[in-house]
Amino acid sequence: MPSLNGLLPLPISTLPNTYLAMFISLMAPLLLILVLFHRVTKRSVNPVNWPFLGMLPGLVANTPHLHHWTTNLAANNDGNCEFKGPWLSGMNIFFTADPVNTNHIFSLNRQNYVKGSKITDIFDILGNGLITANDDSWLHQRRRAHTLISSNNFRVFLAASARKKVEEGLLPLLNHAASTGKAVDLQDVFLRYTFDVSCVSLFGVDTNCLSLGLPTIAFAAATDDVTEGLLYRHFLPMKWWKLLRWLRVGKEKKFAAAWQVLDEFIYQQISKKKEEIKRKEYNKEPSPTFDLLSSYIEDPMEAKMTSDYDTFLRDTVINNIVAGRDTSASSLTWFIYMLTKHRDVEAKILDELRAIAPSTDALNDDQLVSFDVKDLNKLVYLSAAIYESLRLFPPVPFNHRTAKYSDELPSGHRVQPGALIIASVYAMGRMEKVWGKDCNEFKPERWITEGGTVRHEATYKFSVFSTGPRMCVGKDTALTMVKIAAAALVYNFEVEMVEGHVVEPKLSVLLAMKNGLKVKVKTRKVHGRC
């Protein structure tokens, strides 16, 4: 009689072991592939182009140390590299840290390289603002922004606002930290400083984010979630992150929540500003206003440019906040960090500041000192040190474009239509062929000419403020905020890193510090003060 063992159900006692064996048999090949991915990507600087998955595994494996990896990638490939995504994903990226290619893409053949739908999709939260706009919309917004920001009234207003915030917010807070001996996160402090100054310049309202109580600001936390989410959108196939956005999961869930927080704050400020302007008009109050939002609202021509003017104002505001608040705070944070590592540079800056500081007779022993930006702009070594810090730690480490048509770059690489171009400002600042063998050293002297003036490099070589026609219109205002705060801090306080504190870049489209900048400060001995 034939056996029925093969036809009967498995005994219940054997089921768990059978499923475990099936699971192991299915997972073993996957684990072997993952180990192979890890070993190959670890051995090679260049990403491997795998069947079906393309170069995505190498990109994902190196994301935790993205800036270091892309710098090595640029050095290993003469500044240029192509990324191929998974099959049928439409992911095609050309990465460059080559000044010649950068000049071609952003200036000489700029008509072929636009923001495009890929970039506007990634940066959808910015709407149709200046950073993402194209063609006539961009041209109109840029002209208007340049007129407002470059006006003498606004420059004076911004400089006065920044100095006032330093005197009433930054210096008292640091003085309190010095008296108590408690550690302070300078990155958080600088973000609060630039947020307050940005709100004053944009809305004419001081949010008092920088105060002794260090109040929790939902807007700041939301901005961090947005900038982190934007980075991941760059290195995932668009179809993938759009699916996550639709499902509202992972980083896209945080992104959506943060977007809501930002919009609520901005629309609230727009509504308040409109009511304020109406009240002044009704009461015939003559008080002049120099904040940007008032300038836009009070211009009758602006309202005629779009059917949804509130959306235009919202996009304008969020572009200005992202471009001003976060980038200036990043610049300040990395600059002070570099001074803690290079005391000789700090000493030279102090010598310059002492030459323009008020005389001893004009100060009380415990009086803290701030500086006028007109005096600071005359200081060569301070400017050189700031530029050198920006070279090594650019606030916006990547710049983007999309190719409209096929093109051959000066390097000989062929760019296909629709390719996403990512120019690494971070990697270019550390390229030996661009800056010499000492490219990784912090040397402000490289920015000083033999005649003792500040050296000006070509913007496609030093593209911290971008290059070409879309160069940042807020460069001078950003440097104003940085110089006023940096000079006051360096002159009045000694800064020491908290022992054991780890400094490393955060995974974000902005070059923030992952763990902040934890320091202890003590009052510097100047003018008989102790």
Protein backbone atom coordinates (compact mmCIF):
# COMPACT_ATOMS: atom_id res chain seq x y z
CA MET A 1 0.00 0.00 0.00
CA PRO A 2 1.49 3.36 -1.02
CA SER A 3 2.46 5.82 1.71
CA LEU A 4 0.11 8.73 2.33
CA ASN A 5 2.76 10.87 4.10
CA GLY A 6 3.19 13.16 1.11
CA LEU A 7 -0.56 13.75 0.87
CA LEU A 8 -1.40 14.36 4.50
CA PRO A 9 -1.11 17.80 6.15
CA LEU A 10 2.08 18.46 8.10
CA PRO A 11 1.83 17.81 11.82
CA ILE A 12 1.15 21.01 13.75
CA SER A 13 4.39 20.60 15.70
CA THR A 14 6.45 20.85 12.50
CA LEU A 15 4.81 24.02 11.09
CA PRO A 16 6.95 26.69 12.85
CA ASN A 17 10.19 24.99 11.83
CA THR A 18 8.98 24.67 8.25
CA TYR A 19 8.05 28.38 7.99
CA LEU A 20 11.37 29.31 9.57
CA ALA A 21 13.22 27.26 6.97
CA MET A 22 11.20 28.85 4.17
CA PHE A 23 11.93 32.34 5.57
CA ILE A 24 15.66 31.64 5.79
CA SER A 25 15.75 30.25 2.28
CA LEU A 26 14.05 33.39 0.95
CA MET A 27 16.08 35.85 3.01
CA ALA A 28 19.51 34.29 2.49
CA PRO A 29 19.95 35.52 -1.09
CA LEU A 30 18.75 38.98 -0.09
CA LEU A 31 21.19 39.12 2.80
CA LEU A 32 24.03 38.01 0.52
CA ILE A 33 23.14 40.77 -1.94
CA LEU A 34 23.08 43.35 0.86
CA VAL A 35 26.48 42.19 2.12
CA LEU A 36 27.81 42.39 -1.43
CA PHE A 37 26.38 45.90 -1.82
CA HIS A 38 28.03 46.95 1.43
CA ARG A 39 31.44 45.51 0.59
CA VAL A 40 31.54 46.86 -2.94
CA THR A 41 30.34 50.35 -1.98
CA LYS A 42 32.77 50.45 0.93
CA ARG A 43 35.74 49.62 -1.31
CA SER A 44 34.86 51.99 -4.12
CA VAL A 45 34.50 55.78 -4.00
CA ASN A 46 32.52 55.69 -7.25
CA PRO A 47 29.01 54.23 -7.04
CA VAL A 48 28.56 50.89 -8.79
CA ASN A 49 25.90 50.74 -11.53
CA TRP A 50 23.96 47.62 -10.48
CA PRO A 51 21.44 45.80 -12.68
CA PHE A 52 17.91 47.13 -12.15
CA LEU A 53 18.89 49.23 -9.07
CA GLY A 54 21.40 51.42 -10.86
CA MET A 55 23.67 53.48 -8.59
CA LEU A 56 21.03 53.97 -5.90
CA PRO A 57 22.59 51.46 -3.41
CA GLY A 58 25.88 53.38 -3.39
CA LEU A 59 24.07 56.66 -2.96
CA VAL A 60 22.00 55.34 -0.05
CA ALA A 61 25.02 53.70 1.59
CA ASN A 62 26.97 56.97 1.56
CA THR A 63 24.13 59.31 2.55
CA PRO A 64 25.15 59.44 6.26
CA HIS A 65 28.46 61.09 5.26
CA LEU A 66 27.18 62.69 2.06
CA HIS A 67 29.40 65.80 1.92
CA HIS A 68 32.62 63.92 2.68
CA TRP A 69 31.74 61.29 0.09
CA THR A 70 30.84 63.74 -2.66
CA THR A 71 34.08 65.64 -2.00
CA ASN A 72 36.09 62.42 -2.48
CA LEU A 73 33.93 61.60 -5.49
CA ALA A 74 34.74 64.95 -7.09
CA ALA A 75 38.47 64.58 -6.39
CA ASN A 76 38.46 61.05 -7.81
CA ASN A 77 36.68 62.03 -11.04
CA ASP A 78 38.20 65.41 -11.87
CA GLY A 79 35.10 67.10 -10.49
CA ASN A 80 32.37 65.31 -12.46
CA CYS A 81 30.26 62.18 -12.11
CA GLU A 82 27.06 60.75 -13.58
CA PHE A 83 24.43 58.96 -11.46
CA LYS A 84 22.01 56.46 -12.95
CA GLY A 85 18.98 55.54 -10.90
CA PRO A 86 16.92 52.34 -10.94
CA TRP A 87 15.58 51.20 -14.31
CA LEU A 88 12.45 53.04 -15.47
CA SER A 89 12.70 55.46 -12.53
CA GLY A 90 13.67 58.46 -14.65
CA MET A 91 16.43 59.24 -12.15
CA ASN A 92 19.33 60.78 -14.08
CA ILE A 93 21.73 63.06 -12.17
CA PHE A 94 24.89 64.80 -13.32
CA PHE A 95 27.09 65.86 -10.41
CA THR A 96 29.78 68.51 -10.86
CA ALA A 97 32.30 70.41 -8.77
CA ASP A 98 34.10 71.75 -11.83
CA PRO A 99 34.25 75.57 -12.12
CA VAL A 100 34.44 75.43 -15.94
CA ASN A 101 31.31 73.29 -16.16
CA THR A 102 29.62 75.46 -13.52
CA ASN A 103 30.30 78.58 -15.58
CA HIS A 104 28.90 76.87 -18.68
CA ILE A 105 25.76 75.64 -16.92
CA PHE A 106 24.90 78.73 -14.88
CA SER A 107 26.15 81.48 -17.21
CA LEU A 108 27.39 80.75 -20.73
CA ASN A 109 24.65 78.31 -21.75
CA ARG A 110 22.15 79.17 -19.03
CA GLN A 111 19.21 79.10 -21.49
CA ASN A 112 19.51 75.32 -21.57
CA TYR A 113 19.68 74.90 -17.79
CA VAL A 114 16.56 75.94 -15.91
CA LYS A 115 14.96 75.20 -12.58
CA GLY A 116 12.47 72.99 -14.42
CA SER A 117 9.64 70.79 -13.20
CA LYS A 118 11.89 68.35 -11.31
CA ILE A 119 13.29 71.10 -9.12
CA THR A 120 9.95 72.85 -8.64
CA ASP A 121 8.45 69.48 -7.66
CA ILE A 122 11.21 68.84 -5.11
CA PHE A 123 10.92 72.36 -3.71
CA ASP A 124 7.13 72.52 -3.97
CA ILE A 125 6.89 74.16 -0.56
CA LEU A 126 8.54 77.30 -2.00
CA GLY A 127 5.70 77.72 -4.49
CA ASN A 128 6.48 80.05 -7.37
CA GLY A 129 8.85 82.24 -5.38
CA LEU A 130 12.16 83.67 -6.52
CA ILE A 131 14.20 80.54 -5.76
CA THR A 132 12.17 78.24 -8.03
CA ALA A 133 10.48 80.58 -10.52
CA ASN A 134 11.39 80.57 -14.22
CA ASP A 135 11.21 82.89 -17.22
CA ASP A 136 9.11 86.08 -16.93
CA SER A 137 7.92 85.34 -13.40
CA TRP A 138 11.49 84.99 -12.17
CA LEU A 139 12.64 88.10 -14.03
CA HIS A 140 9.86 90.26 -12.56
CA GLN A 141 10.39 88.95 -9.02
CA ARG A 142 14.14 89.41 -9.20
CA ARG A 143 13.92 92.99 -10.44
CA ARG A 144 11.42 93.84 -7.72
CA ALA A 145 13.41 92.11 -4.98
CA HIS A 146 16.65 93.73 -6.12
CA THR A 147 15.04 97.18 -6.10
CA LEU A 148 13.72 96.73 -2.57
CA ILE A 149 16.71 95.00 -0.99
CA SER A 150 19.32 97.28 -2.55
CA SER A 151 17.53 100.49 -1.56
CA ASN A 152 19.37 102.59 0.99
CA ASN A 153 16.29 102.77 3.25
CA PHE A 154 16.08 98.98 3.54
CA ARG A 155 19.83 98.51 4.03
CA VAL A 156 19.88 101.05 6.86
CA PHE A 157 16.73 99.50 8.35
CA LEU A 158 18.18 95.98 8.25
CA ALA A 159 21.56 97.01 9.70
CA ALA A 160 19.86 98.92 12.52
CA SER A 161 17.54 95.95 13.22
CA ALA A 162 20.45 93.51 13.34
CA ARG A 163 22.51 95.73 15.65
CA LYS A 164 19.55 96.31 17.95
CA LYS A 165 18.91 92.56 18.16
CA VAL A 166 22.59 91.98 18.98
CA GLU A 167 22.52 94.62 21.73
CA GLU A 168 19.16 93.64 23.24
CA GLY A 169 19.13 89.91 22.56
CA LEU A 170 22.40 88.21 21.63
CA LEU A 171 24.80 89.97 24.01
CA PRO A 172 22.54 89.82 27.12
CA LEU A 173 21.84 86.12 26.50
CA LEU A 174 25.55 85.28 26.13
CA ASN A 175 26.42 87.46 29.11
CA HIS A 176 23.90 85.50 31.18
CA ALA A 177 25.43 82.23 29.97
CA ALA A 178 28.89 83.53 30.92
CA SER A 179 27.75 84.51 34.43
CA THR A 180 26.09 81.13 35.09
CA GLY A 181 28.77 79.00 33.42
CA LYS A 182 26.13 76.95 31.62
CA ALA A 183 26.71 75.54 28.15
CA VAL A 184 24.82 77.11 25.28
CA ASP A 185 24.05 75.85 21.77
CA LEU A 186 25.31 78.63 19.51
CA GLN A 187 23.59 77.17 16.46
CA ASP A 188 20.23 77.50 18.21
CA VAL A 189 21.15 81.01 19.37
CA PHE A 190 22.12 82.11 15.86
CA LEU A 191 18.95 80.62 14.36
CA ARG A 192 16.94 82.66 16.85
CA TYR A 193 18.93 85.79 16.06
CA THR A 194 18.51 85.47 12.29
CA PHE A 195 14.83 84.52 12.66
CA ASP A 196 14.10 87.65 14.70
CA VAL A 197 16.01 89.90 12.31
CA SER A 198 14.34 88.25 9.30
CA CYS A 199 10.89 88.79 10.80
CA VAL A 200 11.67 92.44 11.50
CA SER A 201 12.95 93.00 7.95
CA LEU A 202 10.08 91.06 6.39
CA PHE A 203 7.11 91.95 8.61
CA GLY A 204 8.32 94.82 10.78
CA VAL A 205 7.61 92.57 13.80
CA ASP A 206 10.07 91.35 16.43
CA THR A 207 9.12 87.82 17.47
CA ASN A 208 11.54 87.94 20.47
CA CYS A 209 12.68 84.42 19.72
CA LEU A 210 16.11 85.40 21.07
CA SER A 211 15.39 86.05 24.72
CA LEU A 212 16.67 84.62 28.00
CA GLY A 213 13.81 82.16 28.25
CA LEU A 214 14.64 80.68 24.82
CA PRO A 215 10.95 80.13 23.99
CA THR A 216 10.02 77.19 21.79
CA ILE A 217 9.34 78.36 18.26
CA ALA A 218 7.29 75.91 16.19
CA PHE A 219 8.35 77.65 12.98
CA ALA A 220 12.02 76.87 13.60
CA ALA A 221 11.40 73.17 14.23
CA ALA A 222 9.18 72.99 11.15
CA THR A 223 11.92 74.54 9.00
CA ASP A 224 14.35 71.84 10.14
CA ASP A 225 11.89 69.09 9.14
CA VAL A 226 11.42 70.70 5.73
CA THR A 227 15.12 71.09 4.90
CA GLU A 228 15.83 67.51 5.93
CA GLY A 229 12.96 66.19 3.80
CA LEU A 230 14.12 68.22 0.80
CA LEU A 231 17.54 66.53 0.84
CA TYR A 232 16.05 63.03 0.69
CA ARG A 233 13.88 64.06 -2.23
CA HIS A 234 17.07 64.72 -4.22
CA PHE A 235 18.38 61.20 -3.86
CA LEU A 236 15.23 59.13 -4.19
CA PRO A 237 13.54 58.50 -7.52
CA MET A 238 10.77 61.06 -7.89
CA LYS A 239 8.07 58.42 -8.26
CA TRP A 240 9.13 56.89 -4.97
CA TRP A 241 9.05 60.02 -2.81
CA LYS A 242 5.83 61.18 -4.47
CA LEU A 243 4.26 57.88 -3.48
CA LEU A 244 5.44 58.45 0.10
CA ARG A 245 3.98 61.95 -0.06
CA TRP A 246 0.65 60.58 -1.26
CA LEU A 247 0.66 57.94 1.50
CA ARG A 248 1.74 60.55 4.10
CA VAL A 249 4.39 58.28 5.62
CA GLY A 250 8.00 58.65 6.77
CA LYS A 251 9.74 61.95 6.14
CA GLU A 252 6.92 63.06 3.85
CA LYS A 253 4.51 62.89 6.79
CA LYS A 254 6.79 65.20 8.81
CA PHE A 255 7.22 67.40 5.74
CA ALA A 256 3.46 67.86 5.32
CA ALA A 257 2.99 68.70 9.00
CA ALA A 258 5.85 71.20 8.89
CA TRP A 259 4.42 72.80 5.75
CA GLN A 260 1.15 73.43 7.59
CA VAL A 261 2.99 75.08 10.51
CA LEU A 262 4.93 77.38 8.15
CA ASP A 263 1.83 78.39 6.20
CA GLU A 264 -0.18 79.14 9.34
CA PHE A 265 2.55 81.46 10.61
CA ILE A 266 3.10 83.23 7.28
CA TYR A 267 -0.58 83.77 6.44
CA GLN A 268 -1.12 85.07 9.96
CA GLN A 269 1.65 87.65 9.45
CA ILE A 270 0.22 88.66 6.06
CA SER A 271 -3.23 89.16 7.56
CA LYS A 272 -1.84 91.24 10.44
CA LYS A 273 0.20 93.40 8.08
CA LYS A 274 -2.82 94.12 5.86
CA GLU A 275 -4.86 95.15 8.90
CA GLU A 276 -2.02 97.36 10.13
CA ILE A 277 -1.73 99.12 6.77
CA LYS A 278 -5.51 99.66 6.57
CA ARG A 279 -5.53 101.11 10.08
CA LYS A 280 -2.71 103.52 9.28
CA GLU A 281 -4.44 104.60 6.09
CA TYR A 282 -7.74 105.13 7.92
CA ASN A 283 -6.07 107.14 10.69
CA LYS A 284 -3.83 108.89 8.16
CA GLU A 285 -0.73 107.93 10.12
CA PRO A 286 2.39 109.17 8.32
CA SER A 287 4.80 106.64 9.85
CA PRO A 288 7.04 105.18 7.09
CA THR A 289 7.54 101.41 6.79
CA PHE A 290 10.62 99.74 5.32
CA ASP A 291 9.83 96.05 5.86
CA LEU A 292 9.53 94.05 2.65
CA LEU A 293 5.96 92.82 3.17
CA SER A 294 4.67 96.38 3.55
CA SER A 295 6.52 97.39 0.39
CA TYR A 296 4.83 94.62 -1.60
CA ILE A 297 1.35 95.17 -0.19
CA GLU A 298 1.47 98.96 -0.62
CA ASP A 299 2.55 98.71 -4.26
CA PRO A 300 -0.66 98.78 -6.37
CA MET A 301 1.15 97.32 -9.38
CA GLU A 302 2.12 94.14 -7.52
CA ALA A 303 -1.47 93.13 -6.81
CA LYS A 304 -2.26 93.34 -10.52
CA MET A 305 0.46 90.83 -11.43
CA THR A 306 -1.39 87.78 -10.12
CA SER A 307 -4.96 86.67 -9.46
CA ASP A 308 -4.07 85.11 -6.10
CA TYR A 309 -2.02 87.83 -4.45
CA ASP A 310 -1.99 86.24 -0.98
CA THR A 311 -0.33 83.15 -2.46
CA PHE A 312 2.23 85.37 -4.17
CA LEU A 313 2.96 87.11 -0.85
CA ARG A 314 3.20 83.76 0.93
CA ASP A 315 5.69 82.42 -1.65
CA THR A 316 7.73 85.63 -1.46
CA VAL A 317 7.90 85.47 2.33
CA ILE A 318 8.89 81.82 2.63
CA ASN A 319 11.59 82.21 -0.03
CA ASN A 320 13.03 85.17 1.87
CA ILE A 321 12.97 83.34 5.21
CA VAL A 322 14.67 80.23 3.84
CA ALA A 323 17.23 82.31 1.94
CA GLY A 324 17.94 84.65 4.85
CA ARG A 325 17.34 83.06 8.22
CA ASP A 326 18.82 79.59 7.83
CA THR A 327 21.76 80.45 5.58
CA SER A 328 22.97 83.34 7.76
CA ALA A 329 22.68 81.21 10.92
CA SER A 330 24.68 78.44 9.23
CA SER A 331 27.38 80.93 8.19
CA LEU A 332 27.69 82.25 11.74
CA THR A 333 27.79 78.81 13.34
CA TRP A 334 30.57 77.42 11.16
CA PHE A 335 32.53 80.70 11.37
CA ILE A 336 32.63 80.70 15.18
CA TYR A 337 33.44 76.98 15.15
CA MET A 338 36.46 77.65 12.93
CA LEU A 339 37.64 80.42 15.26
CA THR A 340 37.60 77.98 18.19
CA LYS A 341 39.99 75.83 16.15
CA HIS A 342 42.20 78.69 14.95
CA ARG A 343 43.03 81.09 17.76
CA ASP A 344 45.59 82.88 15.61
CA VAL A 345 42.80 83.94 13.24
CA GLU A 346 40.65 85.05 16.15
CA ALA A 347 43.54 87.16 17.51
CA LYS A 348 43.95 88.99 14.19
CA ILE A 349 40.22 89.72 14.03
CA LEU A 350 40.37 91.06 17.60
CA ASP A 351 43.20 93.40 16.62
CA GLU A 352 41.02 94.81 13.84
CA LEU A 353 38.02 95.20 16.12
CA ARG A 354 40.01 96.96 18.83
CA ALA A 355 41.06 99.55 16.27
CA ILE A 356 37.43 100.57 15.64
CA ALA A 357 36.01 99.96 19.14
CA PRO A 358 34.92 102.88 21.34
CA SER A 359 37.62 104.33 23.54
CA THR A 360 37.98 103.12 27.11
CA ASP A 361 36.82 106.48 28.47
CA ALA A 362 33.51 106.16 26.61
CA LEU A 363 32.60 102.83 28.22
CA ASN A 364 31.62 101.49 31.59
CA ASP A 365 33.70 98.57 32.86
CA ASP A 366 30.84 96.12 32.33
CA GLN A 367 29.49 97.59 29.09
CA LEU A 368 29.15 95.23 26.12
CA VAL A 369 30.16 96.55 22.71
CA SER A 370 28.47 96.34 19.32
CA PHE A 371 29.67 97.65 15.97
CA ASP A 372 28.29 99.61 13.02
CA VAL A 373 28.32 97.61 9.80
CA LYS A 374 29.91 100.53 7.92
CA ASP A 375 32.96 100.20 10.15
CA LEU A 376 32.97 96.42 9.89
CA ASN A 377 32.91 96.51 6.09
CA LYS A 378 36.30 98.27 6.19
CA LEU A 379 37.94 95.38 8.06
CA VAL A 380 39.91 93.27 5.58
CA TYR A 381 40.86 90.33 7.79
CA LEU A 382 37.34 89.89 9.20
CA SER A 383 35.92 89.74 5.66
CA ALA A 384 38.68 87.35 4.57
CA ALA A 385 38.00 85.00 7.50
CA ILE A 386 34.27 84.97 6.78
CA TYR A 387 34.85 84.20 3.09
CA GLU A 388 37.26 81.42 4.01
CA SER A 389 34.70 79.88 6.36
CA LEU A 390 32.06 80.12 3.62
CA ARG A 391 34.43 78.40 1.17
CA LEU A 392 34.78 75.37 3.44
CA PHE A 393 31.25 75.42 4.83
CA PRO A 394 28.82 76.93 2.29
CA PRO A 395 25.33 77.35 3.83
CA VAL A 396 23.74 75.93 0.65
CA PRO A 397 26.06 73.06 -0.29
CA PHE A 398 24.32 72.19 -3.59
CA ASN A 399 22.94 74.19 -6.50
CA HIS A 400 20.46 72.75 -9.00
CA ARG A 401 19.39 72.98 -12.61
CA THR A 402 17.56 70.80 -15.15
CA ALA A 403 18.77 70.35 -18.72
CA LYS A 404 16.17 71.24 -21.35
CA TYR A 405 18.11 69.75 -24.28
CA SER A 406 21.08 67.51 -24.86
CA ASP A 407 24.38 69.34 -24.37
CA GLU A 408 28.11 68.64 -24.30
CA LEU A 409 29.88 70.22 -21.33
CA PRO A 410 33.42 71.65 -21.47
CA SER A 411 34.59 68.54 -19.58
CA GLY A 412 33.43 66.39 -22.51
CA HIS A 413 30.49 64.85 -20.63
CA ARG A 414 27.18 64.58 -22.44
CA VAL A 415 24.08 65.76 -20.59
CA GLN A 416 20.74 64.27 -21.62
CA PRO A 417 17.43 66.19 -21.74
CA GLY A 418 15.70 66.18 -18.37
CA ALA A 419 18.88 65.39 -16.42
CA LEU A 420 19.06 66.90 -12.96
CA ILE A 421 22.26 68.91 -12.55
CA ILE A 422 23.67 69.12 -9.03
CA ALA A 423 26.62 71.46 -8.61
CA SER A 424 28.38 70.85 -5.30
CA VAL A 425 29.55 74.13 -3.80
CA TYR A 426 30.88 72.17 -0.82
CA ALA A 427 33.06 69.84 -2.90
CA MET A 428 34.30 72.63 -5.17
CA GLY A 429 35.54 74.55 -2.13
CA ARG A 430 37.78 71.58 -1.30
CA MET A 431 39.11 70.81 -4.77
CA GLU A 432 42.91 70.88 -4.99
CA LYS A 433 42.89 71.86 -8.65
CA VAL A 434 40.74 74.88 -7.78
CA TRP A 435 42.25 76.09 -4.48
CA GLY A 436 45.68 74.46 -4.34
CA LYS A 437 47.29 71.82 -2.13
CA ASP A 438 46.18 73.65 1.02
CA CYS A 439 42.52 73.51 -0.06
CA ASN A 440 41.45 71.79 3.17
CA GLU A 441 43.18 74.33 5.41
CA PHE A 442 41.49 77.35 6.97
CA LYS A 443 43.62 80.24 5.68
CA PRO A 444 41.95 83.67 5.48
CA GLU A 445 45.15 85.01 3.94
CA ARG A 446 44.17 83.47 0.60
CA TRP A 447 41.50 86.19 0.38
CA ILE A 448 43.91 89.10 0.86
CA THR A 449 45.81 90.67 -2.04
CA GLU A 450 49.39 91.84 -1.90
CA GLY A 451 48.02 95.37 -1.67
CA GLY A 452 46.13 94.47 1.52
CA THR A 453 42.62 94.49 0.08
CA VAL A 454 39.99 91.74 -0.03
CA ARG A 455 40.52 89.42 -3.00
CA HIS A 456 37.47 88.82 -5.19
CA GLU A 457 37.25 85.41 -6.86
CA ALA A 458 35.11 84.52 -9.88
CA THR A 459 31.63 83.55 -8.71
CA TYR A 460 31.70 80.29 -10.67
CA LYS A 461 34.75 79.31 -8.60
CA PHE A 462 33.38 80.66 -5.31
CA SER A 463 29.67 80.05 -5.87
CA VAL A 464 28.50 80.30 -2.26
CA PHE A 465 26.00 82.96 -3.37
CA SER A 466 25.39 81.12 -6.66
CA THR A 467 26.65 82.48 -9.96
CA GLY A 468 25.31 83.90 -13.21
CA PRO A 469 22.09 85.91 -13.54
CA ARG A 470 20.48 84.08 -10.60
CA MET A 471 23.16 85.09 -8.15
CA CYS A 472 21.70 85.74 -4.68
CA VAL A 473 20.20 89.23 -4.41
CA GLY A 474 20.45 89.09 -0.62
CA LYS A 475 24.23 88.56 -0.43
CA ASP A 476 24.95 91.92 1.20
CA THR A 477 22.08 91.68 3.68
CA ALA A 478 23.23 88.20 4.73
CA LEU A 479 26.81 89.38 5.24
CA THR A 480 25.50 92.33 7.25
CA MET A 481 23.71 90.02 9.70
CA VAL A 482 26.77 87.77 9.96
CA LYS A 483 29.33 90.54 10.50
CA ILE A 484 27.35 92.45 13.14
CA ALA A 485 26.74 89.33 15.25
CA ALA A 486 30.17 87.76 14.76
CA ALA A 487 32.08 90.94 15.59
CA ALA A 488 30.11 91.57 18.80
CA LEU A 489 30.51 87.97 19.95
CA VAL A 490 34.25 87.77 19.26
CA TYR A 491 35.00 91.15 20.83
CA ASN A 492 33.01 90.58 24.03
CA PHE A 493 33.36 86.85 24.71
CA GLU A 494 35.79 83.95 24.69
CA VAL A 495 34.23 80.78 23.30
CA GLU A 496 35.29 77.24 24.19
CA MET A 497 33.81 74.05 22.78
CA VAL A 498 32.17 71.75 25.32
CA GLU A 499 34.52 68.82 25.86
CA GLY A 500 33.50 65.75 23.87
CA HIS A 501 30.99 67.62 21.70
CA VAL A 502 30.89 66.14 18.19
CA VAL A 503 30.54 68.51 15.23
CA GLU A 504 29.29 67.04 11.97
CA PRO A 505 26.99 68.19 9.15
CA LYS A 506 23.30 67.41 9.37
CA LEU A 507 21.57 65.64 6.49
CA SER A 508 19.78 68.65 5.05
CA VAL A 509 19.75 70.86 1.96
CA LEU A 510 21.31 73.45 4.26
CA LEU A 511 24.68 72.95 5.93
CA ALA A 512 23.57 72.86 9.56
CA MET A 513 25.30 71.01 12.40
CA LYS A 514 23.71 67.74 13.36
CA ASN A 515 24.34 68.15 17.10
CA GLY A 516 24.37 71.93 17.27
CA LEU A 517 27.42 73.86 18.51
CA LYS A 518 27.65 73.38 22.27
CA VAL A 519 30.01 75.89 23.86
CA LYS A 520 30.80 77.71 27.08
CA VAL A 521 31.40 81.43 26.97
CA LYS A 522 33.15 83.81 29.32
CA THR A 523 33.45 87.56 29.23
CA ARG A 524 36.58 88.69 27.45
CA LYS A 525 38.94 91.00 29.34
CA VAL A 526 38.63 94.28 27.48
CA HIS A 527 38.50 97.88 28.69
CA GLY A 528 39.38 96.83 32.22
CA ARG A 529 36.44 94.42 32.33
CA CYS A 530 36.94 91.00 33.90
